Amino acid sequence: MRERTSSPKGKMKMDKKVDEYVEKQETPQKEMCKELRNIIIKTFPKIEEEMKWGVPTYGNGKYYFVALKKHVNLGFAVKDMTKKEMDLFEGKGKLMRHIKFFSLKEIDEKNIVKLLKLVRNGI
């Protein structure tokens, strides 16, 4: 059973293992992970958060983020998307694609929300 921190009624509960994952990251990855997590939760307040594949995932694997040595990837499930839609993301995967962030200032909330909603509606 996953441990959860408390949250307001009707809101998602934050997974303590995700808290631990984020807190152990180095700067600037830690701050980028916090910001991406906040954007996902703000966009989908009732979304399921869990550690899966060793990284924080959301919506039963529709979204993930992973802190790497010099950047953070925000990943998206792209199954059944058109080529034009898939071209909005980096990578060549048929099921998952991502966008990379090397600094906090590169995180464009408006664009991320658009992509999150595209994936939610497309799958």
N, C-alpha and C. Protein backbone atom coordinates (compact mmCIF):
# COMPACT_ATOMS: atom_id res chain seq x y z
N MET A 1 0.84 -1.19 0.00
CA MET A 1 0.00 0.00 0.00
C MET A 1 0.88 1.24 0.00
N ARG A 2 0.61 2.16 -0.90
CA ARG A 2 1.38 3.40 -0.97
C ARG A 2 1.02 4.33 0.17
N GLU A 3 2.04 4.96 0.72
CA GLU A 3 1.78 5.96 1.75
C GLU A 3 1.45 7.28 1.06
N ARG A 4 0.46 7.97 1.59
CA ARG A 4 0.02 9.23 1.02
C ARG A 4 0.05 10.32 2.09
N THR A 5 0.37 11.52 1.66
CA THR A 5 0.24 12.65 2.55
C THR A 5 -1.18 13.18 2.42
N SER A 6 -1.66 13.84 3.44
CA SER A 6 -3.04 14.32 3.41
C SER A 6 -3.20 15.43 2.39
N SER A 7 -4.43 15.57 1.91
CA SER A 7 -4.74 16.62 0.96
C SER A 7 -6.18 17.04 1.18
N PRO A 8 -6.55 18.23 0.70
CA PRO A 8 -7.92 18.70 0.87
C PRO A 8 -8.92 17.75 0.22
N LYS A 9 -10.14 17.74 0.74
CA LYS A 9 -11.19 16.88 0.21
C LYS A 9 -11.37 17.13 -1.29
N GLY A 10 -11.44 16.03 -2.05
CA GLY A 10 -11.63 16.15 -3.49
C GLY A 10 -10.35 16.34 -4.27
N LYS A 11 -9.24 16.47 -3.58
CA LYS A 11 -7.95 16.66 -4.25
C LYS A 11 -7.17 15.37 -4.19
N MET A 12 -6.20 15.22 -5.07
CA MET A 12 -5.38 14.02 -5.04
C MET A 12 -4.50 14.00 -3.81
N LYS A 13 -4.10 12.84 -3.41
CA LYS A 13 -3.18 12.69 -2.30
C LYS A 13 -1.78 12.48 -2.86
N MET A 14 -0.82 13.19 -2.30
CA MET A 14 0.55 13.12 -2.79
C MET A 14 1.22 11.86 -2.24
N ASP A 15 1.91 11.14 -3.09
CA ASP A 15 2.60 9.91 -2.73
C ASP A 15 3.91 10.25 -2.02
N LYS A 16 4.11 9.71 -0.83
CA LYS A 16 5.33 9.99 -0.06
C LYS A 16 6.59 9.52 -0.78
N LYS A 17 6.48 8.46 -1.56
CA LYS A 17 7.65 7.99 -2.30
C LYS A 17 8.05 8.99 -3.39
N VAL A 18 7.06 9.67 -3.95
CA VAL A 18 7.37 10.73 -4.92
C VAL A 18 8.02 11.90 -4.20
N ASP A 19 7.51 12.24 -3.01
CA ASP A 19 8.16 13.29 -2.20
C ASP A 19 9.64 12.97 -2.01
N GLU A 20 9.91 11.72 -1.62
CA GLU A 20 11.29 11.29 -1.36
C GLU A 20 12.14 11.37 -2.64
N TYR A 21 11.57 10.95 -3.76
CA TYR A 21 12.28 11.00 -5.04
C TYR A 21 12.68 12.44 -5.36
N VAL A 22 11.73 13.35 -5.24
CA VAL A 22 11.99 14.75 -5.58
C VAL A 22 13.03 15.34 -4.63
N GLU A 23 12.89 15.09 -3.34
CA GLU A 23 13.78 15.69 -2.34
C GLU A 23 15.21 15.22 -2.46
N LYS A 24 15.46 14.04 -3.00
CA LYS A 24 16.83 13.55 -3.10
C LYS A 24 17.57 14.07 -4.33
N GLN A 25 16.87 14.79 -5.21
CA GLN A 25 17.50 15.31 -6.42
C GLN A 25 18.40 16.51 -6.11
N GLU A 26 19.38 16.72 -6.95
CA GLU A 26 20.27 17.87 -6.85
C GLU A 26 19.62 19.09 -7.51
N THR A 27 20.10 20.26 -7.17
CA THR A 27 19.69 21.49 -7.84
C THR A 27 20.36 21.52 -9.21
N PRO A 28 19.71 21.90 -10.28
CA PRO A 28 18.37 22.46 -10.41
C PRO A 28 17.28 21.42 -10.68
N GLN A 29 17.66 20.13 -10.78
CA GLN A 29 16.67 19.11 -11.08
C GLN A 29 15.57 19.05 -10.03
N LYS A 30 15.91 19.24 -8.76
CA LYS A 30 14.90 19.19 -7.70
C LYS A 30 13.82 20.24 -7.94
N GLU A 31 14.23 21.46 -8.23
CA GLU A 31 13.28 22.54 -8.45
C GLU A 31 12.44 22.30 -9.70
N MET A 32 13.06 21.76 -10.73
CA MET A 32 12.31 21.46 -11.95
C MET A 32 11.28 20.35 -11.69
N CYS A 33 11.67 19.32 -10.95
CA CYS A 33 10.72 18.25 -10.61
C CYS A 33 9.55 18.80 -9.80
N LYS A 34 9.83 19.65 -8.83
CA LYS A 34 8.75 20.24 -8.03
C LYS A 34 7.80 21.04 -8.91
N GLU A 35 8.35 21.82 -9.81
CA GLU A 35 7.51 22.64 -10.69
C GLU A 35 6.66 21.79 -11.61
N LEU A 36 7.25 20.77 -12.22
CA LEU A 36 6.49 19.89 -13.12
C LEU A 36 5.40 19.15 -12.34
N ARG A 37 5.72 18.68 -11.16
CA ARG A 37 4.73 18.00 -10.31
C ARG A 37 3.57 18.94 -10.01
N ASN A 38 3.88 20.17 -9.64
CA ASN A 38 2.83 21.14 -9.33
C ASN A 38 1.95 21.43 -10.54
N ILE A 39 2.54 21.53 -11.71
CA ILE A 39 1.76 21.80 -12.93
C ILE A 39 0.82 20.63 -13.21
N ILE A 40 1.31 19.41 -13.11
CA ILE A 40 0.47 18.23 -13.35
C ILE A 40 -0.70 18.20 -12.37
N ILE A 41 -0.40 18.40 -11.09
CA ILE A 41 -1.44 18.33 -10.06
C ILE A 41 -2.44 19.48 -10.19
N LYS A 42 -1.94 20.66 -10.54
CA LYS A 42 -2.84 21.80 -10.73
C LYS A 42 -3.76 21.58 -11.94
N THR A 43 -3.23 20.95 -12.98
CA THR A 43 -4.00 20.69 -14.19
C THR A 43 -5.05 19.61 -13.96
N PHE A 44 -4.67 18.56 -13.23
CA PHE A 44 -5.56 17.43 -12.95
C PHE A 44 -5.58 17.15 -11.45
N PRO A 45 -6.37 17.91 -10.68
CA PRO A 45 -6.33 17.80 -9.21
C PRO A 45 -6.63 16.41 -8.65
N LYS A 46 -7.31 15.56 -9.39
CA LYS A 46 -7.66 14.23 -8.87
C LYS A 46 -6.82 13.11 -9.49
N ILE A 47 -5.75 13.45 -10.18
CA ILE A 47 -4.94 12.45 -10.88
C ILE A 47 -4.23 11.52 -9.87
N GLU A 48 -4.05 10.28 -10.27
CA GLU A 48 -3.34 9.30 -9.45
C GLU A 48 -1.83 9.50 -9.62
N GLU A 49 -1.13 9.63 -8.51
CA GLU A 49 0.33 9.77 -8.50
C GLU A 49 0.93 8.53 -7.86
N GLU A 50 1.96 7.98 -8.51
CA GLU A 50 2.63 6.82 -7.92
C GLU A 50 4.05 6.69 -8.49
N MET A 51 4.87 5.95 -7.79
CA MET A 51 6.19 5.60 -8.30
C MET A 51 6.02 4.33 -9.14
N LYS A 52 6.47 4.40 -10.39
CA LYS A 52 6.39 3.27 -11.30
C LYS A 52 7.61 3.35 -12.19
N TRP A 53 8.24 2.23 -12.47
CA TRP A 53 9.46 2.21 -13.28
C TRP A 53 10.59 3.02 -12.63
N GLY A 54 10.51 3.24 -11.30
CA GLY A 54 11.53 3.99 -10.59
C GLY A 54 11.41 5.50 -10.68
N VAL A 55 10.31 5.99 -11.27
CA VAL A 55 10.10 7.44 -11.42
C VAL A 55 8.66 7.80 -11.08
N PRO A 56 8.39 9.07 -10.76
CA PRO A 56 7.01 9.49 -10.52
C PRO A 56 6.18 9.41 -11.80
N THR A 57 5.02 8.79 -11.69
CA THR A 57 4.10 8.69 -12.82
C THR A 57 2.72 9.17 -12.42
N TYR A 58 1.93 9.52 -13.41
CA TYR A 58 0.60 10.10 -13.18
C TYR A 58 -0.37 9.50 -14.18
N GLY A 59 -1.63 9.38 -13.74
CA GLY A 59 -2.67 8.92 -14.64
C GLY A 59 -2.41 7.53 -15.18
N ASN A 60 -1.98 6.62 -14.31
CA ASN A 60 -1.70 5.24 -14.69
C ASN A 60 -0.67 5.16 -15.82
N GLY A 61 0.36 5.99 -15.71
CA GLY A 61 1.46 5.95 -16.66
C GLY A 61 1.33 6.84 -17.88
N LYS A 62 0.31 7.69 -17.93
CA LYS A 62 0.18 8.60 -19.07
C LYS A 62 1.26 9.67 -19.07
N TYR A 63 1.73 10.03 -17.87
CA TYR A 63 2.74 11.07 -17.72
C TYR A 63 3.79 10.60 -16.72
N TYR A 64 5.01 11.08 -16.88
CA TYR A 64 6.05 10.83 -15.89
C TYR A 64 7.06 11.96 -15.95
N PHE A 65 7.84 12.09 -14.90
CA PHE A 65 9.03 12.92 -15.01
C PHE A 65 10.19 12.16 -14.41
N VAL A 66 11.39 12.45 -14.93
CA VAL A 66 12.59 11.77 -14.44
C VAL A 66 13.73 12.78 -14.42
N ALA A 67 14.42 12.83 -13.28
CA ALA A 67 15.60 13.69 -13.14
C ALA A 67 16.81 12.93 -13.66
N LEU A 68 17.51 13.51 -14.60
CA LEU A 68 18.72 12.92 -15.16
C LEU A 68 19.91 13.79 -14.76
N LYS A 69 21.09 13.43 -15.20
CA LYS A 69 22.31 14.10 -14.73
C LYS A 69 22.31 15.61 -14.99
N LYS A 70 21.87 16.02 -16.17
CA LYS A 70 21.93 17.45 -16.51
C LYS A 70 20.58 18.06 -16.85
N HIS A 71 19.50 17.27 -16.81
CA HIS A 71 18.20 17.79 -17.17
C HIS A 71 17.09 16.93 -16.57
N VAL A 72 15.86 17.35 -16.84
CA VAL A 72 14.68 16.60 -16.41
C VAL A 72 13.82 16.35 -17.66
N ASN A 73 13.36 15.12 -17.80
CA ASN A 73 12.41 14.79 -18.88
C ASN A 73 11.01 14.74 -18.32
N LEU A 74 10.08 15.30 -19.05
CA LEU A 74 8.65 15.13 -18.78
C LEU A 74 8.13 14.25 -19.90
N GLY A 75 7.63 13.05 -19.54
CA GLY A 75 7.22 12.08 -20.54
C GLY A 75 5.72 11.99 -20.68
N PHE A 76 5.30 11.60 -21.87
CA PHE A 76 3.89 11.53 -22.23
C PHE A 76 3.61 10.25 -23.01
N ALA A 77 2.49 9.61 -22.72
CA ALA A 77 2.03 8.48 -23.53
C ALA A 77 1.44 9.05 -24.81
N VAL A 78 1.92 8.56 -25.95
CA VAL A 78 1.49 9.12 -27.23
C VAL A 78 0.81 8.08 -28.13
N LYS A 79 0.44 6.97 -27.57
CA LYS A 79 -0.23 5.91 -28.34
C LYS A 79 -1.47 6.49 -29.02
N ASP A 80 -1.67 6.13 -30.26
CA ASP A 80 -2.84 6.53 -31.05
C ASP A 80 -2.87 8.00 -31.42
N MET A 81 -1.76 8.72 -31.25
CA MET A 81 -1.72 10.11 -31.69
C MET A 81 -1.34 10.17 -33.17
N THR A 82 -1.70 11.27 -33.79
CA THR A 82 -1.29 11.49 -35.17
C THR A 82 0.20 11.83 -35.21
N LYS A 83 0.81 11.71 -36.38
CA LYS A 83 2.22 12.07 -36.52
C LYS A 83 2.43 13.54 -36.15
N LYS A 84 1.52 14.39 -36.57
CA LYS A 84 1.63 15.82 -36.27
C LYS A 84 1.63 16.06 -34.76
N GLU A 85 0.75 15.37 -34.05
CA GLU A 85 0.70 15.50 -32.59
C GLU A 85 1.97 14.95 -31.96
N MET A 86 2.44 13.80 -32.44
CA MET A 86 3.65 13.19 -31.87
C MET A 86 4.88 14.07 -32.10
N ASP A 87 4.88 14.84 -33.17
CA ASP A 87 6.01 15.72 -33.48
C ASP A 87 6.13 16.89 -32.49
N LEU A 88 5.14 17.09 -31.63
CA LEU A 88 5.22 18.13 -30.59
C LEU A 88 6.18 17.71 -29.48
N PHE A 89 6.57 16.45 -29.47
CA PHE A 89 7.42 15.90 -28.42
C PHE A 89 8.77 15.48 -28.98
N GLU A 90 9.75 15.28 -28.09
CA GLU A 90 11.06 14.77 -28.49
C GLU A 90 11.05 13.25 -28.40
N GLY A 91 12.02 12.64 -29.04
CA GLY A 91 12.15 11.19 -29.00
C GLY A 91 11.49 10.55 -30.21
N LYS A 92 11.67 9.25 -30.32
CA LYS A 92 11.15 8.51 -31.47
C LYS A 92 10.24 7.37 -31.04
N GLY A 93 9.90 7.28 -29.76
CA GLY A 93 9.09 6.17 -29.27
C GLY A 93 7.70 6.14 -29.89
N LYS A 94 7.17 4.95 -30.05
CA LYS A 94 5.81 4.79 -30.58
C LYS A 94 4.76 4.91 -29.49
N LEU A 95 5.17 4.67 -28.24
CA LEU A 95 4.22 4.72 -27.12
C LEU A 95 4.47 5.88 -26.16
N MET A 96 5.74 6.26 -26.00
CA MET A 96 6.08 7.34 -25.07
C MET A 96 7.04 8.31 -25.77
N ARG A 97 6.84 9.59 -25.50
CA ARG A 97 7.75 10.65 -25.96
C ARG A 97 7.98 11.58 -24.77
N HIS A 98 8.85 12.57 -24.93
CA HIS A 98 9.18 13.44 -23.81
C HIS A 98 9.53 14.84 -24.30
N ILE A 99 9.67 15.74 -23.34
CA ILE A 99 10.29 17.04 -23.57
C ILE A 99 11.35 17.21 -22.48
N LYS A 100 12.44 17.88 -22.82
CA LYS A 100 13.57 18.05 -21.91
C LYS A 100 13.61 19.47 -21.36
N PHE A 101 14.04 19.55 -20.10
CA PHE A 101 14.24 20.86 -19.46
C PHE A 101 15.63 20.86 -18.83
N PHE A 102 16.40 21.90 -19.13
CA PHE A 102 17.73 22.04 -18.56
C PHE A 102 17.78 23.11 -17.48
N SER A 103 16.70 23.89 -17.34
CA SER A 103 16.63 24.90 -16.28
C SER A 103 15.16 25.19 -15.96
N LEU A 104 14.95 25.73 -14.79
CA LEU A 104 13.60 26.06 -14.34
C LEU A 104 12.94 27.08 -15.27
N LYS A 105 13.72 28.01 -15.79
CA LYS A 105 13.14 29.05 -16.65
C LYS A 105 12.66 28.52 -18.00
N GLU A 106 13.10 27.32 -18.38
CA GLU A 106 12.63 26.70 -19.63
C GLU A 106 11.22 26.12 -19.50
N ILE A 107 10.74 25.96 -18.29
CA ILE A 107 9.44 25.32 -18.07
C ILE A 107 8.34 26.34 -18.38
N ASP A 108 7.63 26.10 -19.47
CA ASP A 108 6.54 26.96 -19.94
C ASP A 108 5.22 26.31 -19.53
N GLU A 109 4.65 26.77 -18.44
CA GLU A 109 3.45 26.13 -17.89
C GLU A 109 2.32 26.06 -18.91
N LYS A 110 2.09 27.13 -19.63
CA LYS A 110 0.99 27.16 -20.60
C LYS A 110 1.15 26.06 -21.65
N ASN A 111 2.36 25.88 -22.17
CA ASN A 111 2.62 24.85 -23.17
C ASN A 111 2.50 23.46 -22.56
N ILE A 112 3.00 23.28 -21.36
CA ILE A 112 2.92 21.97 -20.70
C ILE A 112 1.46 21.59 -20.47
N VAL A 113 0.65 22.52 -20.00
CA VAL A 113 -0.77 22.24 -19.76
C VAL A 113 -1.44 21.83 -21.07
N LYS A 114 -1.10 22.52 -22.16
CA LYS A 114 -1.66 22.18 -23.48
C LYS A 114 -1.30 20.74 -23.85
N LEU A 115 -0.05 20.35 -23.63
CA LEU A 115 0.39 19.00 -23.96
C LEU A 115 -0.24 17.95 -23.03
N LEU A 116 -0.34 18.27 -21.74
CA LEU A 116 -0.99 17.35 -20.80
C LEU A 116 -2.43 17.08 -21.22
N LYS A 117 -3.14 18.12 -21.60
CA LYS A 117 -4.54 17.97 -22.01
C LYS A 117 -4.66 17.25 -23.35
N LEU A 118 -3.73 17.49 -24.25
CA LEU A 118 -3.72 16.79 -25.53
C LEU A 118 -3.59 15.28 -25.30
N VAL A 119 -2.69 14.89 -24.43
CA VAL A 119 -2.49 13.47 -24.15
C VAL A 119 -3.72 12.90 -23.45
N ARG A 120 -4.27 13.61 -22.48
CA ARG A 120 -5.46 13.11 -21.78
C ARG A 120 -6.60 12.90 -22.74
N ASN A 121 -6.80 13.83 -23.66
CA ASN A 121 -7.93 13.73 -24.58
C ASN A 121 -7.66 12.76 -25.73
N GLY A 122 -6.39 12.55 -26.04
CA GLY A 122 -6.05 11.71 -27.18
C GLY A 122 -5.99 10.24 -26.87
N ILE A 123 -5.98 9.90 -25.59
CA ILE A 123 -5.84 8.48 -25.23
C ILE A 123 -7.09 7.97 -24.56
